[in-house]
C-alpha atoms as a PDB file:
ATOM      1  CA  MET A   1      -0.155  -0.115   0.101  1.00  0.00           C
ATOM      2  CA  ASN A   2       1.299   3.342  -0.983  1.00  0.00           C
ATOM      3  CA  PHE A   3       0.643   6.358   1.183  1.00  0.00           C
ATOM      4  CA  SER A   4       1.488   9.852   0.321  1.00  0.00           C
ATOM      5  CA  MET A   5       1.779  12.756   2.698  1.00  0.00           C
ATOM      6  CA  VAL A   6       0.229  15.772   1.919  1.00  0.00           C
ATOM      7  CA  ALA A   7       1.524  18.778   3.969  1.00  0.00           C
ATOM      8  CA  SER A   8      -1.288  20.777   5.512  1.00  0.00           C
ATOM      9  CA  GLN A   9      -1.505  24.512   4.969  1.00  0.00           C
ATOM     10  CA  THR A  10      -2.750  27.081   7.037  1.00  0.00           C
ATOM     11  CA  ARG A  11      -5.242  29.532   5.861  1.00  0.00           C
ATOM     12  CA  ARG A  12      -4.088  33.128   6.257  1.00  0.00           C
ATOM     13  CA  PHE A  13      -6.599  35.569   6.345  1.00  0.00           C
ATOM     14  CA  THR A  14      -6.442  39.113   4.842  1.00  0.00           C
ATOM     15  CA  VAL A  15      -7.290  42.358   6.664  1.00  0.00           C
ATOM     16  CA  ASP A  16     -10.203  42.806   4.496  1.00  0.00           C
ATOM     17  CA  GLU A  17     -11.498  39.399   5.141  1.00  0.00           C
ATOM     18  CA  TYR A  18     -10.930  39.878   8.955  1.00  0.00           C
ATOM     19  CA  THR A  19     -12.647  43.034   9.173  1.00  0.00           C
ATOM     20  CA  ARG A  20     -15.470  41.521   7.187  1.00  0.00           C
ATOM     21  CA  MET A  21     -15.521  38.640   9.654  1.00  0.00           C
ATOM     22  CA  SER A  22     -16.311  41.242  12.720  1.00  0.00           C
ATOM     23  CA  GLU A  23     -18.935  43.300  10.359  1.00  0.00           C
ATOM     24  CA  LEU A  24     -20.970  39.973   9.965  1.00  0.00           C
ATOM     25  CA  GLY A  25     -20.620  38.876  13.864  1.00  0.00           C
ATOM     26  CA  ILE A  26     -18.524  35.968  12.856  1.00  0.00           C
ATOM     27  CA  LEU A  27     -16.033  37.421  15.562  1.00  0.00           C
ATOM     28  CA  ALA A  28     -18.059  38.398  18.484  1.00  0.00           C
ATOM     29  CA  ALA A  29     -17.681  42.365  19.872  1.00  0.00           C
ATOM     30  CA  THR A  30     -16.742  41.038  23.016  1.00  0.00           C
ATOM     31  CA  GLU A  31     -13.813  38.948  21.696  1.00  0.00           C
ATOM     32  CA  HIS A  32     -10.540  40.801  21.854  1.00  0.00           C
ATOM     33  CA  THR A  33      -8.716  39.604  18.878  1.00  0.00           C
ATOM     34  CA  GLU A  34      -5.889  41.007  16.483  1.00  0.00           C
ATOM     35  CA  LEU A  35      -4.477  39.876  13.076  1.00  0.00           C
ATOM     36  CA  ILE A  36      -0.980  38.618  13.217  1.00  0.00           C
ATOM     37  CA  ASN A  37       0.490  37.268  10.025  1.00  0.00           C
ATOM     38  CA  GLY A  38      -2.908  36.439   8.528  1.00  0.00           C
ATOM     39  CA  GLU A  39      -3.919  34.241  11.894  1.00  0.00           C
ATOM     40  CA  ILE A  40      -6.404  35.334  14.284  1.00  0.00           C
ATOM     41  CA  VAL A  41      -4.873  35.785  17.710  1.00  0.00           C
ATOM     42  CA  THR A  42      -7.083  35.974  20.764  1.00  0.00           C
ATOM     43  CA  MET A  43      -5.474  38.601  23.143  1.00  0.00           C
ATOM     44  CA  VAL A  44      -4.454  38.025  26.461  1.00  0.00           C
ATOM     45  CA  ALA A  45      -6.906  39.751  29.311  1.00  0.00           C
ATOM     46  CA  LYS A  46      -5.210  42.717  30.974  1.00  0.00           C
ATOM     47  CA  GLY A  47      -4.138  42.788  34.474  1.00  0.00           C
ATOM     48  CA  PHE A  48      -4.116  45.632  37.031  1.00  0.00           C
ATOM     49  CA  ALA A  49      -0.620  46.715  36.388  1.00  0.00           C
ATOM     50  CA  HIS A  50      -1.020  46.424  32.549  1.00  0.00           C
ATOM     51  CA  ALA A  51      -4.038  48.645  32.665  1.00  0.00           C
ATOM     52  CA  SER A  52      -2.414  51.238  35.030  1.00  0.00           C
ATOM     53  CA  ALA A  53       0.746  51.335  32.908  1.00  0.00           C
ATOM     54  CA  THR A  54      -1.188  51.812  29.556  1.00  0.00           C
ATOM     55  CA  THR A  55      -2.973  54.802  31.331  1.00  0.00           C
ATOM     56  CA  ARG A  56      -0.026  56.282  32.781  1.00  0.00           C
ATOM     57  CA  ILE A  57       1.833  56.169  29.169  1.00  0.00           C
ATOM     58  CA  LYS A  58      -1.150  57.664  27.547  1.00  0.00           C
ATOM     59  CA  THR A  59      -1.382  60.688  29.870  1.00  0.00           C
ATOM     60  CA  VAL A  60       2.539  61.057  29.838  1.00  0.00           C
ATOM     61  CA  PHE A  61       2.430  61.303  26.035  1.00  0.00           C
ATOM     62  CA  GLU A  62      -1.024  63.284  25.906  1.00  0.00           C
ATOM     63  CA  LEU A  63       0.464  65.970  28.136  1.00  0.00           C
ATOM     64  CA  ALA A  64       3.767  66.311  26.461  1.00  0.00           C
ATOM     65  CA  LEU A  65       2.674  66.114  22.746  1.00  0.00           C
ATOM     66  CA  GLN A  66      -0.525  68.192  22.859  1.00  0.00           C
ATOM     67  CA  LYS A  67      -1.691  68.127  19.253  1.00  0.00           C
ATOM     68  CA  GLN A  68       1.717  67.137  17.657  1.00  0.00           C
ATOM     69  CA  ALA A  69       0.549  63.380  17.402  1.00  0.00           C
ATOM     70  CA  ILE A  70      -2.393  61.355  18.098  1.00  0.00           C
ATOM     71  CA  ILE A  71      -2.091  58.819  20.909  1.00  0.00           C
ATOM     72  CA  ARG A  72      -4.061  55.598  20.186  1.00  0.00           C
ATOM     73  CA  VAL A  73      -4.899  53.103  22.763  1.00  0.00           C
ATOM     74  CA  GLN A  74      -5.396  49.470  21.895  1.00  0.00           C
ATOM     75  CA  ASP A  75      -6.579  50.652  18.448  1.00  0.00           C
ATOM     76  CA  PRO A  76      -5.472  48.790  15.159  1.00  0.00           C
ATOM     77  CA  ILE A  77      -2.702  49.671  13.089  1.00  0.00           C
ATOM     78  CA  ARG A  78      -2.569  48.322   9.588  1.00  0.00           C
ATOM     79  CA  LEU A  79       0.841  46.880   8.729  1.00  0.00           C
ATOM     80  CA  SER A  80       0.189  44.717   5.591  1.00  0.00           C
ATOM     81  CA  ASN A  81      -2.435  42.987   4.002  1.00  0.00           C
ATOM     82  CA  HIS A  82      -2.112  40.179   6.657  1.00  0.00           C
ATOM     83  CA  SER A  83      -1.405  41.960   9.682  1.00  0.00           C
ATOM     84  CA  GLU A  84      -3.472  44.367  11.835  1.00  0.00           C
ATOM     85  CA  PRO A  85      -2.358  44.390  15.406  1.00  0.00           C
ATOM     86  CA  GLU A  86      -3.763  46.554  18.191  1.00  0.00           C
ATOM     87  CA  PRO A  87      -0.636  47.804  20.351  1.00  0.00           C
ATOM     88  CA  ASP A  88      -1.403  48.785  23.829  1.00  0.00           C
ATOM     89  CA  ILE A  89      -0.168  52.571  22.705  1.00  0.00           C
ATOM     90  CA  THR A  90       0.602  54.094  19.222  1.00  0.00           C
ATOM     91  CA  ILE A  91       1.718  57.538  18.800  1.00  0.00           C
ATOM     92  CA  ALA A  92       0.694  58.411  15.236  1.00  0.00           C
ATOM     93  CA  ALA A  93       1.094  61.326  12.878  1.00  0.00           C
ATOM     94  CA  CYS A  94      -1.532  63.610  12.944  1.00  0.00           C
ATOM     95  CA  ASP A  95      -4.249  62.866  10.480  1.00  0.00           C
ATOM     96  CA  PRO A  96      -6.800  65.587   9.437  1.00  0.00           C
ATOM     97  CA  LEU A  97      -9.641  62.827   9.834  1.00  0.00           C
ATOM     98  CA  ALA A  98      -8.156  61.545  12.935  1.00  0.00           C
ATOM     99  CA  TYR A  99      -8.231  58.043  11.505  1.00  0.00           C
ATOM    100  CA  SER A 100     -11.975  57.827  10.774  1.00  0.00           C
ATOM    101  CA  THR A 101     -11.181  56.660   7.176  1.00  0.00           C
ATOM    102  CA  HIS A 102      -8.333  54.208   7.521  1.00  0.00           C
ATOM    103  CA  HIS A 103      -6.206  52.775  10.305  1.00  0.00           C
ATOM    104  CA  PRO A 104      -2.615  54.272  10.626  1.00  0.00           C
ATOM    105  CA  SER A 105       0.080  52.594   8.111  1.00  0.00           C
ATOM    106  CA  PRO A 106       3.710  52.178   9.317  1.00  0.00           C
ATOM    107  CA  LYS A 107       4.525  55.436   7.459  1.00  0.00           C
ATOM    108  CA  GLU A 108       2.222  57.293   9.867  1.00  0.00           C
ATOM    109  CA  VAL A 109       3.158  55.442  13.227  1.00  0.00           C
ATOM    110  CA  LEU A 110       5.881  57.271  15.198  1.00  0.00           C
ATOM    111  CA  LEU A 111       5.685  54.944  17.968  1.00  0.00           C
ATOM    112  CA  VAL A 112       4.476  51.530  18.984  1.00  0.00           C
ATOM    113  CA  ILE A 113       4.594  50.614  22.984  1.00  0.00           C
ATOM    114  CA  GLU A 114       3.327  47.200  24.124  1.00  0.00           C
ATOM    115  CA  VAL A 115       2.920  46.682  27.904  1.00  0.00           C
ATOM    116  CA  ALA A 116       4.152  43.414  29.187  1.00  0.00           C
ATOM    117  CA  ASP A 117       3.024  41.947  32.293  1.00  0.00           C
ATOM    118  CA  SER A 118       2.254  38.245  31.072  1.00  0.00           C
ATOM    119  CA  SER A 119       3.206  38.901  27.222  1.00  0.00           C
ATOM    120  CA  LEU A 120       6.870  39.722  27.255  1.00  0.00           C
ATOM    121  CA  LYS A 121       8.059  36.575  25.286  1.00  0.00           C
ATOM    122  CA  TYR A 122       5.320  37.218  22.670  1.00  0.00           C
ATOM    123  CA  ASP A 123       6.137  40.880  22.312  1.00  0.00           C
ATOM    124  CA  LEU A 124       9.803  40.208  22.039  1.00  0.00           C
ATOM    125  CA  GLU A 125       9.650  37.106  19.634  1.00  0.00           C
ATOM    126  CA  THR A 126       6.425  37.768  17.609  1.00  0.00           C
ATOM    127  CA  LYS A 127       5.509  41.470  17.732  1.00  0.00           C
ATOM    128  CA  ALA A 128       9.380  42.846  17.350  1.00  0.00           C
ATOM    129  CA  PRO A 129      10.097  40.988  13.942  1.00  0.00           C
ATOM    130  CA  LEU A 130       6.344  41.977  12.893  1.00  0.00           C
ATOM    131  CA  TYR A 131       6.895  45.752  13.480  1.00  0.00           C
ATOM    132  CA  ALA A 132      10.417  45.700  12.170  1.00  0.00           C
ATOM    133  CA  ALA A 133       9.465  43.924   9.118  1.00  0.00           C
ATOM    134  CA  ALA A 134       6.773  46.651   8.753  1.00  0.00           C
ATOM    135  CA  GLY A 135       9.419  49.374   8.918  1.00  0.00           C
ATOM    136  CA  ILE A 136       8.110  50.628  12.153  1.00  0.00           C
ATOM    137  CA  GLU A 137      10.703  53.104  13.053  1.00  0.00           C
ATOM    138  CA  GLU A 138      10.607  52.585  16.884  1.00  0.00           C
ATOM    139  CA  TYR A 139       8.753  50.005  19.134  1.00  0.00           C
ATOM    140  CA  TRP A 140       9.144  50.213  22.836  1.00  0.00           C
ATOM    141  CA  ILE A 141       8.291  47.240  25.377  1.00  0.00           C
ATOM    142  CA  LEU A 142       7.381  48.313  29.066  1.00  0.00           C
ATOM    143  CA  ASP A 143       8.006  45.398  31.565  1.00  0.00           C
ATOM    144  CA  VAL A 144       6.005  46.159  34.195  1.00  0.00           C
ATOM    145  CA  ILE A 145       7.139  42.803  36.148  1.00  0.00           C
ATOM    146  CA  GLU A 146      11.129  43.970  35.935  1.00  0.00           C
ATOM    147  CA  ARG A 147      10.188  47.518  35.607  1.00  0.00           C
ATOM    148  CA  GLN A 148      12.224  48.299  32.788  1.00  0.00           C
ATOM    149  CA  LEU A 149      11.944  49.416  29.199  1.00  0.00           C
ATOM    150  CA  TYR A 150      12.969  47.555  25.876  1.00  0.00           C
ATOM    151  CA  THR A 151      13.504  49.733  22.901  1.00  0.00           C
ATOM    152  CA  PHE A 152      13.940  48.835  19.393  1.00  0.00           C
ATOM    153  CA  ARG A 153      15.333  50.994  16.786  1.00  0.00           C
ATOM    154  CA  GLN A 154      16.289  51.059  13.139  1.00  0.00           C
ATOM    155  CA  PRO A 155      14.417  48.543  11.304  1.00  0.00           C
ATOM    156  CA  LYS A 156      15.921  46.533   8.571  1.00  0.00           C
ATOM    157  CA  ASP A 157      15.422  43.289   6.975  1.00  0.00           C
ATOM    158  CA  GLY A 158      12.801  42.353   9.405  1.00  0.00           C
ATOM    159  CA  ARG A 159      14.997  42.938  12.651  1.00  0.00           C
ATOM    160  CA  TYR A 160      15.799  45.962  14.789  1.00  0.00           C
ATOM    161  CA  GLN A 161      19.393  46.815  14.443  1.00  0.00           C
ATOM    162  CA  ALA A 162      19.392  48.879  17.889  1.00  0.00           C
ATOM    163  CA  GLN A 163      18.170  47.116  21.011  1.00  0.00           C
ATOM    164  CA  THR A 164      18.413  48.452  24.542  1.00  0.00           C
ATOM    165  CA  ILE A 165      17.022  47.617  27.771  1.00  0.00           C
ATOM    166  CA  LEU A 166      16.764  50.533  30.425  1.00  0.00           C
ATOM    167  CA  ALA A 167      16.250  50.435  33.965  1.00  0.00           C
ATOM    168  CA  GLU A 168      13.342  52.190  35.661  1.00  0.00           C
ATOM    169  CA  THR A 169      15.472  54.902  37.036  1.00  0.00           C
ATOM    170  CA  LEU A 170      16.484  56.078  33.623  1.00  0.00           C
ATOM    171  CA  GLU A 171      14.885  58.450  30.913  1.00  0.00           C
ATOM    172  CA  VAL A 172      14.231  57.966  27.092  1.00  0.00           C
ATOM    173  CA  SER A 173      13.350  60.061  24.346  1.00  0.00           C
ATOM    174  CA  PRO A 174      11.500  58.869  21.374  1.00  0.00           C
ATOM    175  CA  LEU A 175      12.887  59.313  18.045  1.00  0.00           C
ATOM    176  CA  ALA A 176      10.217  61.194  16.406  1.00  0.00           C
ATOM    177  CA  PHE A 177      10.452  63.930  19.444  1.00  0.00           C
ATOM    178  CA  ASP A 178      13.933  63.926  20.677  1.00  0.00           C
ATOM    179  CA  ARG A 179      13.227  66.755  22.828  1.00  0.00           C
ATOM    180  CA  LEU A 180      10.890  65.111  24.847  1.00  0.00           C
ATOM    181  CA  ILE A 181      12.479  63.259  27.844  1.00  0.00           C
ATOM    182  CA  VAL A 182      10.346  60.591  29.219  1.00  0.00           C
ATOM    183  CA  GLN A 183      11.213  59.224  32.813  1.00  0.00           C
ATOM    184  CA  ILE A 184      10.393  55.648  32.407  1.00  0.00           C
ATOM    185  CA  VAL A 185       9.077  55.358  36.000  1.00  0.00           C
ATOM    186  CA  ASP A 186       6.344  57.632  35.066  1.00  0.00           C
ATOM    187  CA  MET A 187       4.892  54.907  32.824  1.00  0.00           C
ATOM    188  CA  LEU A 188       5.018  52.184  35.384  1.00  0.00           C
ATOM    189  CA  PRO A 189       2.636  51.308  37.775  1.00  0.00           C
ATOM    190  CA  PRO A 190       3.256  52.914  41.383  1.00  0.00           C
ATOM    191  CA  LEU A 191       4.982  50.331  43.623  1.00  0.00           C
ATOM    192  CA  ALA A 192       2.643  49.222  46.243  1.00  0.00           C
ATOM    193  CA  ILE A 193       2.593  50.794  49.741  1.00  0.00           C
END
């Protein structure tokens, strides 16, 4: 008896198909998902530290950048025809229609920030190459467990050429706003008293 092996293939969805599934109710509004490399990924529930850090980051940048950029919280960015992640924070270029007609493209994204409480491995191993391949100029991961900031800059060939890890006692300036000095501790949730 002759058996031949047939390799199975994963069906990758496009952003348009993914959007249509949401519109038709195939993906429930209560499901928090994102499209990564054509796969629908269920996002991890956010803990207290994650939510606190996300709010603190949003506040820091809104106060500092007033009308110089749009601060988006857990809203989609369109990286390619097969990837539309929802970063915790996106600093996007100002858009006259406030992105009411499209999600920001890589050229409109100035900085992406992910907050990691349980997602550090995923943010490092999946999201970093994804953002680099799309040409996102700068990507940060705020690690709320170890209380440090990972910075990724200079995307080339699907990887970031410059990577640093900064302690909470340090400060950082985004490439797009090099005069802005952000204290890393100001983005982290306060330590319990």
